[in-house]
């Protein structure tokens, strides 16, 4: 029903490489996309390790400070985002905030699973945005990821879980304050603020803006 990935373990892992055969199978396409924008970037080592089922740790890529490596980290996080997103497609909500899916002609309550997966989805999506923001070439991709951010916010509210909303917003505060492009940071912050207002969370929206402002 839901796709569960060990996002926390991965993000805390200090190894340069780790085994993930699903993402490794996607690396040729990811690297092709990267090469299209950075044709001089050498991707051979990533392709070779992917053949053995290994991918680079995105945290270690980011720590190199090299733009192409940071973008690659963002693309890996984006792949996790899309994989996790597939696990929440088709979820419906009843009036009490329960998350339900249809399986073999019957409704199944997946509220607990959704509460567990949303922070991971927010983390993967947010880190992808943060990494891709190092180069304006990826702004269109960031805009697409922001649509997922909006979906995450809506689902968080439908779940009626204060804990989930706080967790998700804390992740996005971390993401936005880590973006050095202030124009992009402001635009993304305004998008989240608008989403929160539309969900009837005007006060939380104002607190969110205060949290990401330079003076906070």
Foldseek 3Di string as FASTA:
>chain_A
DFDDDPLVCLLPDPDQKDADLVVLVVVVVLVVVLCVVVVVDDCVVQVVVSVVRMHGRLVVLVVVVDLSSLLSSLSSLVVVLVRRVVRQPQWDADPVLFTWHADPNDIDTCLVVCLVSLLVNLLSLLSSLLSNLVDPVCVVVNVVSLVVLLVSCVSQVSNVDPVSNVSSLVSNLVSLLSRPPVVVSVVSLVSVLVSCVVVVNNVVSVVSVVSNDPVD
